[in-house]
C-alpha cells in the first residue's frame, strides 16, 4: 500500500466529514502532496482508490457549501 492510500484510509476511518474545516483540509492536502512525491521516489504504484477519492471530494464539497453560505467552521 502506498503512503497516500494508507493515510487516506486512516483519515477516512477516524475523521468524520463534518469535523473538517478549511484550514485543516488545506493542511491535509499539503501532506498528501508531499506523500505523493514520496511515493514517486519510492516507486510505489499509482494507488488511487476511487472510494477514498470520493471521500475527499465529499469533504471538499461540504466545505465549499459552508463557505458559499457564509459559514466558516474553524
N, C-alpha and C. Protein backbone atom coordinates (compact mmCIF):
# COMPACT_ATOMS: atom_id res chain seq x y z
N UNK A 1 0.86 -1.18 0.00
CA UNK A 1 0.00 0.00 0.00
C UNK A 1 0.90 1.23 0.00
N UNK A 2 0.62 2.17 -0.88
CA UNK A 2 1.41 3.40 -0.92
C UNK A 2 1.07 4.28 0.29
N UNK A 3 1.93 5.23 0.57
CA UNK A 3 1.74 6.12 1.73
C UNK A 3 0.45 6.92 1.61
N UNK A 4 0.16 7.41 0.42
CA UNK A 4 -1.06 8.21 0.23
C UNK A 4 -2.29 7.38 0.60
N UNK A 5 -2.35 6.17 0.12
CA UNK A 5 -3.50 5.32 0.40
C UNK A 5 -3.63 5.01 1.89
N UNK A 6 -2.51 4.75 2.54
CA UNK A 6 -2.53 4.43 3.97
C UNK A 6 -3.06 5.61 4.79
N UNK A 7 -2.61 6.81 4.47
CA UNK A 7 -3.05 7.99 5.21
C UNK A 7 -4.52 8.29 4.91
N UNK A 8 -4.91 8.18 3.64
CA UNK A 8 -6.33 8.37 3.31
C UNK A 8 -7.19 7.39 4.09
N UNK A 9 -6.77 6.14 4.14
CA UNK A 9 -7.57 5.13 4.85
C UNK A 9 -7.71 5.50 6.33
N UNK A 10 -6.63 5.90 6.94
CA UNK A 10 -6.66 6.27 8.36
C UNK A 10 -7.63 7.43 8.59
N UNK A 11 -7.50 8.48 7.78
CA UNK A 11 -8.34 9.67 7.96
C UNK A 11 -9.81 9.34 7.66
N UNK A 12 -10.04 8.53 6.65
CA UNK A 12 -11.39 8.11 6.28
C UNK A 12 -12.05 7.37 7.44
N UNK A 13 -11.27 6.51 8.10
CA UNK A 13 -11.78 5.73 9.22
C UNK A 13 -11.97 6.56 10.49
N UNK A 14 -11.15 7.56 10.72
CA UNK A 14 -11.08 8.24 12.02
C UNK A 14 -11.70 9.63 12.09
N UNK A 15 -11.81 10.32 10.94
CA UNK A 15 -12.27 11.72 11.00
C UNK A 15 -13.54 11.87 10.17
N UNK A 16 -14.69 12.06 10.81
CA UNK A 16 -15.94 12.23 10.08
C UNK A 16 -15.91 13.49 9.20
N UNK A 17 -16.64 13.42 8.12
CA UNK A 17 -16.70 14.53 7.15
C UNK A 17 -17.02 15.85 7.84
N UNK A 18 -17.96 15.82 8.79
CA UNK A 18 -18.40 17.07 9.43
C UNK A 18 -17.37 17.68 10.38
N UNK A 19 -16.31 16.99 10.68
CA UNK A 19 -15.27 17.54 11.57
C UNK A 19 -14.26 18.42 10.84
N UNK A 20 -14.22 18.33 9.52
CA UNK A 20 -13.21 19.06 8.76
C UNK A 20 -13.56 20.54 8.68
N UNK A 21 -12.51 21.37 8.74
CA UNK A 21 -12.67 22.78 8.42
C UNK A 21 -11.63 23.10 7.34
N UNK A 22 -11.74 24.27 6.76
CA UNK A 22 -10.87 24.63 5.62
C UNK A 22 -9.39 24.60 5.99
N UNK A 23 -8.96 25.21 7.08
CA UNK A 23 -7.52 25.17 7.39
C UNK A 23 -7.00 23.74 7.54
N UNK A 24 -7.76 22.89 8.23
CA UNK A 24 -7.33 21.51 8.43
C UNK A 24 -7.28 20.77 7.09
N UNK A 25 -8.28 20.98 6.24
CA UNK A 25 -8.31 20.32 4.94
C UNK A 25 -7.16 20.78 4.06
N UNK A 26 -6.86 22.07 4.08
CA UNK A 26 -5.73 22.58 3.29
C UNK A 26 -4.41 21.98 3.76
N UNK A 27 -4.24 21.85 5.06
CA UNK A 27 -3.03 21.21 5.59
C UNK A 27 -2.98 19.74 5.17
N UNK A 28 -4.10 19.08 5.21
CA UNK A 28 -4.16 17.68 4.80
C UNK A 28 -3.78 17.52 3.33
N UNK A 29 -4.31 18.38 2.47
CA UNK A 29 -3.97 18.32 1.05
C UNK A 29 -2.47 18.54 0.85
N UNK A 30 -1.88 19.43 1.63
CA UNK A 30 -0.43 19.67 1.55
C UNK A 30 0.34 18.39 1.92
N UNK A 31 -0.08 17.73 2.98
CA UNK A 31 0.56 16.48 3.39
C UNK A 31 0.41 15.42 2.30
N UNK A 32 -0.76 15.32 1.72
CA UNK A 32 -0.99 14.34 0.65
C UNK A 32 -0.08 14.63 -0.54
N UNK A 33 0.10 15.89 -0.88
CA UNK A 33 1.01 16.24 -1.98
C UNK A 33 2.43 15.79 -1.68
N UNK A 34 2.87 15.98 -0.44
CA UNK A 34 4.21 15.53 -0.05
C UNK A 34 4.32 14.01 -0.11
N UNK A 35 3.29 13.32 0.33
CA UNK A 35 3.29 11.86 0.29
C UNK A 35 3.28 11.34 -1.14
N UNK A 36 2.61 12.04 -2.04
CA UNK A 36 2.63 11.63 -3.45
C UNK A 36 4.05 11.71 -4.00
N UNK A 37 4.79 12.75 -3.63
CA UNK A 37 6.19 12.87 -4.06
C UNK A 37 7.03 11.73 -3.48
N UNK A 38 6.78 11.40 -2.21
CA UNK A 38 7.50 10.30 -1.58
C UNK A 38 7.19 8.98 -2.28
N UNK A 39 5.92 8.73 -2.55
CA UNK A 39 5.54 7.50 -3.25
C UNK A 39 6.24 7.41 -4.61
N UNK A 40 6.35 8.53 -5.30
CA UNK A 40 7.03 8.54 -6.59
C UNK A 40 8.50 8.18 -6.42
N UNK A 41 9.15 8.79 -5.44
CA UNK A 41 10.58 8.50 -5.19
C UNK A 41 10.80 7.05 -4.79
N UNK A 42 9.83 6.47 -4.07
CA UNK A 42 9.93 5.08 -3.63
C UNK A 42 9.40 4.10 -4.67
N UNK A 43 9.01 4.66 -5.82
CA UNK A 43 8.49 3.87 -6.94
C UNK A 43 7.29 3.02 -6.54
N UNK A 44 6.43 3.63 -5.74
CA UNK A 44 5.18 2.97 -5.38
C UNK A 44 4.21 3.15 -6.54
N UNK A 45 3.40 2.14 -6.78
CA UNK A 45 2.46 2.26 -7.90
C UNK A 45 1.41 3.34 -7.63
N UNK A 46 0.84 3.84 -8.73
CA UNK A 46 -0.27 4.78 -8.60
C UNK A 46 -1.42 4.01 -7.96
N UNK A 47 -1.76 4.35 -6.74
CA UNK A 47 -2.70 3.50 -5.99
C UNK A 47 -3.94 4.26 -5.56
N UNK A 48 -4.41 5.15 -6.40
CA UNK A 48 -5.61 5.91 -6.04
C UNK A 48 -6.81 4.97 -5.93
N UNK A 49 -7.51 5.10 -4.84
CA UNK A 49 -8.70 4.30 -4.58
C UNK A 49 -9.91 5.19 -4.85
N UNK A 50 -10.79 4.81 -5.77
CA UNK A 50 -11.95 5.65 -6.10
C UNK A 50 -12.81 6.01 -4.89
N UNK A 51 -12.96 5.09 -3.94
CA UNK A 51 -13.78 5.38 -2.75
C UNK A 51 -13.12 6.46 -1.90
N UNK A 52 -11.81 6.40 -1.76
CA UNK A 52 -11.10 7.39 -0.96
C UNK A 52 -11.10 8.74 -1.67
N UNK A 53 -11.01 8.72 -2.99
CA UNK A 53 -11.10 9.97 -3.75
C UNK A 53 -12.48 10.59 -3.61
N UNK A 54 -13.50 9.76 -3.62
CA UNK A 54 -14.88 10.25 -3.45
C UNK A 54 -15.04 10.87 -2.07
N UNK A 55 -14.42 10.27 -1.05
CA UNK A 55 -14.48 10.81 0.30
C UNK A 55 -13.84 12.20 0.34
N UNK A 56 -12.68 12.35 -0.29
CA UNK A 56 -12.02 13.67 -0.33
C UNK A 56 -12.92 14.69 -1.02
N UNK A 57 -13.57 14.30 -2.09
CA UNK A 57 -14.48 15.21 -2.79
C UNK A 57 -15.68 15.56 -1.92
N UNK A 58 -16.15 14.62 -1.14
CA UNK A 58 -17.27 14.88 -0.23
C UNK A 58 -16.87 15.93 0.82
N UNK A 59 -15.69 15.79 1.37
CA UNK A 59 -15.20 16.77 2.35
C UNK A 59 -15.07 18.14 1.68
N UNK A 60 -14.47 18.18 0.50
CA UNK A 60 -14.28 19.44 -0.22
C UNK A 60 -15.62 20.09 -0.54
N UNK A 61 -16.59 19.31 -1.01
CA UNK A 61 -17.91 19.87 -1.35
C UNK A 61 -18.60 20.44 -0.11
N UNK A 62 -18.52 19.72 0.99
CA UNK A 62 -19.12 20.23 2.23
C UNK A 62 -18.52 21.56 2.63
N UNK A 63 -17.21 21.67 2.53
CA UNK A 63 -16.54 22.93 2.89
C UNK A 63 -16.94 24.04 1.93
N UNK A 64 -17.02 23.74 0.65
CA UNK A 64 -17.45 24.74 -0.33
C UNK A 64 -18.87 25.20 -0.06
N UNK A 65 -19.75 24.27 0.27
CA UNK A 65 -21.14 24.62 0.59
C UNK A 65 -21.21 25.52 1.82
N UNK A 66 -20.44 25.19 2.85
CA UNK A 66 -20.41 26.02 4.06
C UNK A 66 -19.90 27.42 3.73
N UNK A 67 -18.84 27.49 2.95
CA UNK A 67 -18.25 28.78 2.59
C UNK A 67 -19.21 29.61 1.73
N UNK A 68 -19.92 28.93 0.82
CA UNK A 68 -20.87 29.62 -0.05
C UNK A 68 -22.01 30.22 0.76
N UNK A 69 -22.34 29.60 1.88
CA UNK A 69 -23.41 30.09 2.76
C UNK A 69 -22.90 30.98 3.87
N UNK A 70 -21.63 31.33 3.80
CA UNK A 70 -21.04 32.24 4.78
C UNK A 70 -20.79 31.59 6.13
N UNK A 71 -20.73 30.28 6.16
CA UNK A 71 -20.49 29.57 7.42
C UNK A 71 -19.05 29.07 7.40
N UNK A 72 -18.30 29.50 8.41
CA UNK A 72 -16.90 29.07 8.50
C UNK A 72 -16.69 28.36 9.82
N UNK A 73 -16.48 27.06 9.73
CA UNK A 73 -16.23 26.28 10.93
C UNK A 73 -14.72 26.21 11.14
N UNK A 74 -14.23 26.95 12.11
CA UNK A 74 -12.79 26.94 12.40
C UNK A 74 -12.56 26.86 13.87
